[in-house]
């Protein structure tokens, strides 16, 4: 890797501030910061937000992308289809490799149960009856399907 440092786009591990997520991108001796600012920044354990930016830059310049911080395994697993889609939309983009030695497994799924919207109509009843063994919750929203003032 030492011989390719001038050609790589290196994304340094992100820094967290109360309202910003910041990462430094390096290409050889040059570098710059990319940041995301939001008033309510949720805790982020990976550098996933910076991968799409670096990927596009790598595809445009033909450089390999190296992420020094942690990246989620689901995002890495989706990169082939993302690159394929981007090249279909923008044929001038080239291929690029992504090197991310620190991966993070997806968080455990916390959701329990299965819900479906229920309007009281034929389709809703059909769904509720045919999937009764799977559905644990019906969501009924008054006015969701029929306007509130409609007497039907």
C-alpha atoms as a PDB file:
ATOM      1  CA  UNK A   1       0.000   0.000   0.000  1.00  0.00           C
ATOM      2  CA  UNK A   2       2.951   2.320   0.568  1.00  0.00           C
ATOM      3  CA  UNK A   3       3.623   2.586  -3.171  1.00  0.00           C
ATOM      4  CA  UNK A   4       0.026   3.572  -3.990  1.00  0.00           C
ATOM      5  CA  UNK A   5      -0.550   6.298  -1.393  1.00  0.00           C
ATOM      6  CA  UNK A   6      -0.233   9.024  -4.048  1.00  0.00           C
ATOM      7  CA  UNK A   7      -2.979   7.435  -6.137  1.00  0.00           C
ATOM      8  CA  UNK A   8      -5.447   6.525  -3.381  1.00  0.00           C
ATOM      9  CA  UNK A   9      -8.298   8.574  -2.016  1.00  0.00           C
ATOM     10  CA  UNK A  10      -7.918   8.064   1.718  1.00  0.00           C
ATOM     11  CA  UNK A  11     -10.824   8.807   4.036  1.00  0.00           C
ATOM     12  CA  UNK A  12      -9.508   9.355   7.550  1.00  0.00           C
ATOM     13  CA  UNK A  13     -11.684   8.265  10.509  1.00  0.00           C
ATOM     14  CA  UNK A  14     -14.546  10.681  11.125  1.00  0.00           C
ATOM     15  CA  UNK A  15     -14.596  13.165  13.989  1.00  0.00           C
ATOM     16  CA  UNK A  16     -17.838  13.770  15.839  1.00  0.00           C
ATOM     17  CA  UNK A  17     -18.938  17.163  17.108  1.00  0.00           C
ATOM     18  CA  UNK A  18     -22.324  17.907  18.688  1.00  0.00           C
ATOM     19  CA  UNK A  19     -23.847  19.057  15.390  1.00  0.00           C
ATOM     20  CA  UNK A  20     -21.300  17.886  12.783  1.00  0.00           C
ATOM     21  CA  UNK A  21     -19.676  14.768  11.399  1.00  0.00           C
ATOM     22  CA  UNK A  22     -16.311  15.545   9.765  1.00  0.00           C
ATOM     23  CA  UNK A  23     -13.829  13.465   7.767  1.00  0.00           C
ATOM     24  CA  UNK A  24     -10.607  14.434   6.044  1.00  0.00           C
ATOM     25  CA  UNK A  25     -10.039  13.122   2.517  1.00  0.00           C
ATOM     26  CA  UNK A  26      -6.446  12.832   1.287  1.00  0.00           C
ATOM     27  CA  UNK A  27      -5.028  12.383  -2.190  1.00  0.00           C
ATOM     28  CA  UNK A  28      -1.260  12.334  -1.959  1.00  0.00           C
ATOM     29  CA  UNK A  29      -0.112  15.521  -0.238  1.00  0.00           C
ATOM     30  CA  UNK A  30      -3.448  17.283  -0.745  1.00  0.00           C
ATOM     31  CA  UNK A  31      -6.348  17.024   1.665  1.00  0.00           C
ATOM     32  CA  UNK A  32      -9.669  18.612   2.488  1.00  0.00           C
ATOM     33  CA  UNK A  33     -12.530  18.172   4.905  1.00  0.00           C
ATOM     34  CA  UNK A  34     -16.033  16.988   4.166  1.00  0.00           C
ATOM     35  CA  UNK A  35     -18.683  17.486   6.812  1.00  0.00           C
ATOM     36  CA  UNK A  36     -22.344  16.912   7.486  1.00  0.00           C
ATOM     37  CA  UNK A  37     -24.108  19.371   9.768  1.00  0.00           C
ATOM     38  CA  UNK A  38     -27.464  18.805  11.421  1.00  0.00           C
ATOM     39  CA  UNK A  39     -28.963  20.186  14.625  1.00  0.00           C
ATOM     40  CA  UNK A  40     -29.863  16.695  15.870  1.00  0.00           C
ATOM     41  CA  UNK A  41     -26.996  14.433  14.874  1.00  0.00           C
ATOM     42  CA  UNK A  42     -27.690  10.854  15.930  1.00  0.00           C
ATOM     43  CA  UNK A  43     -24.749   8.784  17.164  1.00  0.00           C
ATOM     44  CA  UNK A  44     -22.973   7.212  14.188  1.00  0.00           C
ATOM     45  CA  UNK A  45     -20.547   4.345  14.739  1.00  0.00           C
ATOM     46  CA  UNK A  46     -19.315   4.069  11.150  1.00  0.00           C
ATOM     47  CA  UNK A  47     -17.887   6.296   8.449  1.00  0.00           C
ATOM     48  CA  UNK A  48     -20.647   5.184   6.050  1.00  0.00           C
ATOM     49  CA  UNK A  49     -21.793   8.730   5.163  1.00  0.00           C
ATOM     50  CA  UNK A  50     -18.422   9.460   3.563  1.00  0.00           C
ATOM     51  CA  UNK A  51     -18.186   6.346   1.391  1.00  0.00           C
ATOM     52  CA  UNK A  52     -20.594   7.550  -1.351  1.00  0.00           C
ATOM     53  CA  UNK A  53     -18.661  10.818  -1.708  1.00  0.00           C
ATOM     54  CA  UNK A  54     -15.315   9.038  -1.926  1.00  0.00           C
ATOM     55  CA  UNK A  55     -16.756   6.378  -4.250  1.00  0.00           C
ATOM     56  CA  UNK A  56     -17.961   8.971  -6.761  1.00  0.00           C
ATOM     57  CA  UNK A  57     -14.636  10.775  -6.572  1.00  0.00           C
ATOM     58  CA  UNK A  58     -12.777   7.495  -7.080  1.00  0.00           C
ATOM     59  CA  UNK A  59     -14.967   6.488 -10.023  1.00  0.00           C
ATOM     60  CA  UNK A  60     -14.475   9.902 -11.620  1.00  0.00           C
ATOM     61  CA  UNK A  61     -10.685   9.955 -11.181  1.00  0.00           C
ATOM     62  CA  UNK A  62      -9.883   6.233 -11.423  1.00  0.00           C
ATOM     63  CA  UNK A  63      -8.367   6.170  -7.936  1.00  0.00           C
ATOM     64  CA  UNK A  64      -8.784   3.475  -5.315  1.00  0.00           C
ATOM     65  CA  UNK A  65     -10.777   4.457  -2.207  1.00  0.00           C
ATOM     66  CA  UNK A  66      -9.314   3.573   1.201  1.00  0.00           C
ATOM     67  CA  UNK A  67     -11.435   4.058   4.318  1.00  0.00           C
ATOM     68  CA  UNK A  68      -9.390   4.082   7.518  1.00  0.00           C
ATOM     69  CA  UNK A  69     -12.438   4.185   9.809  1.00  0.00           C
ATOM     70  CA  UNK A  70     -15.106   1.523  10.319  1.00  0.00           C
ATOM     71  CA  UNK A  71     -17.615   0.810   7.534  1.00  0.00           C
ATOM     72  CA  UNK A  72     -20.769  -1.297   7.798  1.00  0.00           C
ATOM     73  CA  UNK A  73     -20.758  -4.669   6.098  1.00  0.00           C
ATOM     74  CA  UNK A  74     -24.206  -4.123   4.470  1.00  0.00           C
ATOM     75  CA  UNK A  75     -22.934  -0.965   2.772  1.00  0.00           C
ATOM     76  CA  UNK A  76     -19.820  -2.726   1.502  1.00  0.00           C
ATOM     77  CA  UNK A  77     -21.935  -5.633   0.260  1.00  0.00           C
ATOM     78  CA  UNK A  78     -24.071  -3.247  -1.797  1.00  0.00           C
ATOM     79  CA  UNK A  79     -21.183  -1.507  -3.561  1.00  0.00           C
ATOM     80  CA  UNK A  80     -21.208  -3.671  -6.693  1.00  0.00           C
ATOM     81  CA  UNK A  81     -24.823  -2.805  -7.451  1.00  0.00           C
ATOM     82  CA  UNK A  82     -24.247   0.860  -6.540  1.00  0.00           C
ATOM     83  CA  UNK A  83     -21.295   1.072  -8.941  1.00  0.00           C
ATOM     84  CA  UNK A  84     -23.316  -0.688 -11.642  1.00  0.00           C
ATOM     85  CA  UNK A  85     -26.204   1.757 -11.251  1.00  0.00           C
ATOM     86  CA  UNK A  86     -23.904   4.787 -11.256  1.00  0.00           C
ATOM     87  CA  UNK A  87     -22.148   3.605 -14.413  1.00  0.00           C
ATOM     88  CA  UNK A  88     -25.534   3.029 -16.089  1.00  0.00           C
ATOM     89  CA  UNK A  89     -26.540   6.630 -15.303  1.00  0.00           C
ATOM     90  CA  UNK A  90     -23.106   8.135 -15.954  1.00  0.00           C
ATOM     91  CA  UNK A  91     -21.187   5.981 -18.476  1.00  0.00           C
ATOM     92  CA  UNK A  92     -18.074   8.180 -18.187  1.00  0.00           C
ATOM     93  CA  UNK A  93     -17.493   6.952 -14.614  1.00  0.00           C
ATOM     94  CA  UNK A  94     -14.789   4.341 -14.338  1.00  0.00           C
ATOM     95  CA  UNK A  95     -14.318   1.332 -12.115  1.00  0.00           C
ATOM     96  CA  UNK A  96     -12.679   1.760  -8.737  1.00  0.00           C
ATOM     97  CA  UNK A  97     -11.760  -0.481  -5.838  1.00  0.00           C
ATOM     98  CA  UNK A  98     -12.762   0.185  -2.253  1.00  0.00           C
ATOM     99  CA  UNK A  99     -10.493  -0.952   0.577  1.00  0.00           C
ATOM    100  CA  UNK A 100     -12.063  -0.926   4.044  1.00  0.00           C
ATOM    101  CA  UNK A 101     -10.154  -3.084   6.524  1.00  0.00           C
ATOM    102  CA  UNK A 102     -12.349  -2.176   9.537  1.00  0.00           C
ATOM    103  CA  UNK A 103     -15.879  -3.474   9.048  1.00  0.00           C
ATOM    104  CA  UNK A 104     -18.790  -3.341  11.453  1.00  0.00           C
ATOM    105  CA  UNK A 105     -21.649  -5.868  11.368  1.00  0.00           C
ATOM    106  CA  UNK A 106     -25.172  -4.500  11.093  1.00  0.00           C
ATOM    107  CA  UNK A 107     -26.868  -3.646  14.371  1.00  0.00           C
ATOM    108  CA  UNK A 108     -29.238  -6.265  15.739  1.00  0.00           C
ATOM    109  CA  UNK A 109     -32.803  -5.931  14.596  1.00  0.00           C
ATOM    110  CA  UNK A 110     -34.893  -4.571  17.438  1.00  0.00           C
ATOM    111  CA  UNK A 111     -38.295  -4.602  15.765  1.00  0.00           C
ATOM    112  CA  UNK A 112     -40.683  -7.208  17.053  1.00  0.00           C
ATOM    113  CA  UNK A 113     -43.893  -7.914  15.239  1.00  0.00           C
ATOM    114  CA  UNK A 114     -45.390  -7.241  11.850  1.00  0.00           C
ATOM    115  CA  UNK A 115     -47.868  -4.487  11.086  1.00  0.00           C
ATOM    116  CA  UNK A 116     -50.127  -3.659   8.174  1.00  0.00           C
ATOM    117  CA  UNK A 117     -52.372  -0.712   7.465  1.00  0.00           C
ATOM    118  CA  UNK A 118     -56.051  -1.517   7.857  1.00  0.00           C
ATOM    119  CA  UNK A 119     -58.657   0.731   6.256  1.00  0.00           C
ATOM    120  CA  UNK A 120     -61.640  -1.552   6.799  1.00  0.00           C
ATOM    121  CA  UNK A 121     -61.950  -2.182   3.074  1.00  0.00           C
ATOM    122  CA  UNK A 122     -61.868  -5.421   1.122  1.00  0.00           C
ATOM    123  CA  UNK A 123     -58.097  -5.367   0.466  1.00  0.00           C
ATOM    124  CA  UNK A 124     -57.332  -4.763   4.122  1.00  0.00           C
ATOM    125  CA  UNK A 125     -59.558  -7.618   5.241  1.00  0.00           C
ATOM    126  CA  UNK A 126     -57.997  -9.927   2.651  1.00  0.00           C
ATOM    127  CA  UNK A 127     -54.488  -9.069   3.886  1.00  0.00           C
ATOM    128  CA  UNK A 128     -55.492  -9.457   7.539  1.00  0.00           C
ATOM    129  CA  UNK A 129     -57.149 -12.849   6.973  1.00  0.00           C
ATOM    130  CA  UNK A 130     -54.549 -14.389   4.647  1.00  0.00           C
ATOM    131  CA  UNK A 131     -51.616 -13.268   6.822  1.00  0.00           C
ATOM    132  CA  UNK A 132     -53.246 -13.638  10.235  1.00  0.00           C
ATOM    133  CA  UNK A 133     -50.454 -15.922  11.451  1.00  0.00           C
ATOM    134  CA  UNK A 134     -47.818 -13.272  10.644  1.00  0.00           C
ATOM    135  CA  UNK A 135     -49.526  -9.963  11.492  1.00  0.00           C
ATOM    136  CA  UNK A 136     -49.284  -8.813  15.089  1.00  0.00           C
ATOM    137  CA  UNK A 137     -50.566  -5.247  14.649  1.00  0.00           C
ATOM    138  CA  UNK A 138     -53.169  -3.503  12.487  1.00  0.00           C
ATOM    139  CA  UNK A 139     -52.678   0.220  11.919  1.00  0.00           C
ATOM    140  CA  UNK A 140     -55.911   2.115  11.435  1.00  0.00           C
ATOM    141  CA  UNK A 141     -55.691   5.832  10.735  1.00  0.00           C
ATOM    142  CA  UNK A 142     -58.993   7.661  10.582  1.00  0.00           C
ATOM    143  CA  UNK A 143     -58.883   9.745   7.401  1.00  0.00           C
ATOM    144  CA  UNK A 144     -55.956   7.832   5.899  1.00  0.00           C
ATOM    145  CA  UNK A 145     -57.992   6.123   3.179  1.00  0.00           C
ATOM    146  CA  UNK A 146     -61.173   8.222   3.010  1.00  0.00           C
ATOM    147  CA  UNK A 147     -61.346  11.973   3.635  1.00  0.00           C
ATOM    148  CA  UNK A 148     -62.485  12.835   7.136  1.00  0.00           C
ATOM    149  CA  UNK A 149     -65.563  14.716   5.940  1.00  0.00           C
ATOM    150  CA  UNK A 150     -66.648  11.914   3.574  1.00  0.00           C
ATOM    151  CA  UNK A 151     -69.535   9.892   5.037  1.00  0.00           C
ATOM    152  CA  UNK A 152     -68.792   6.809   2.925  1.00  0.00           C
END
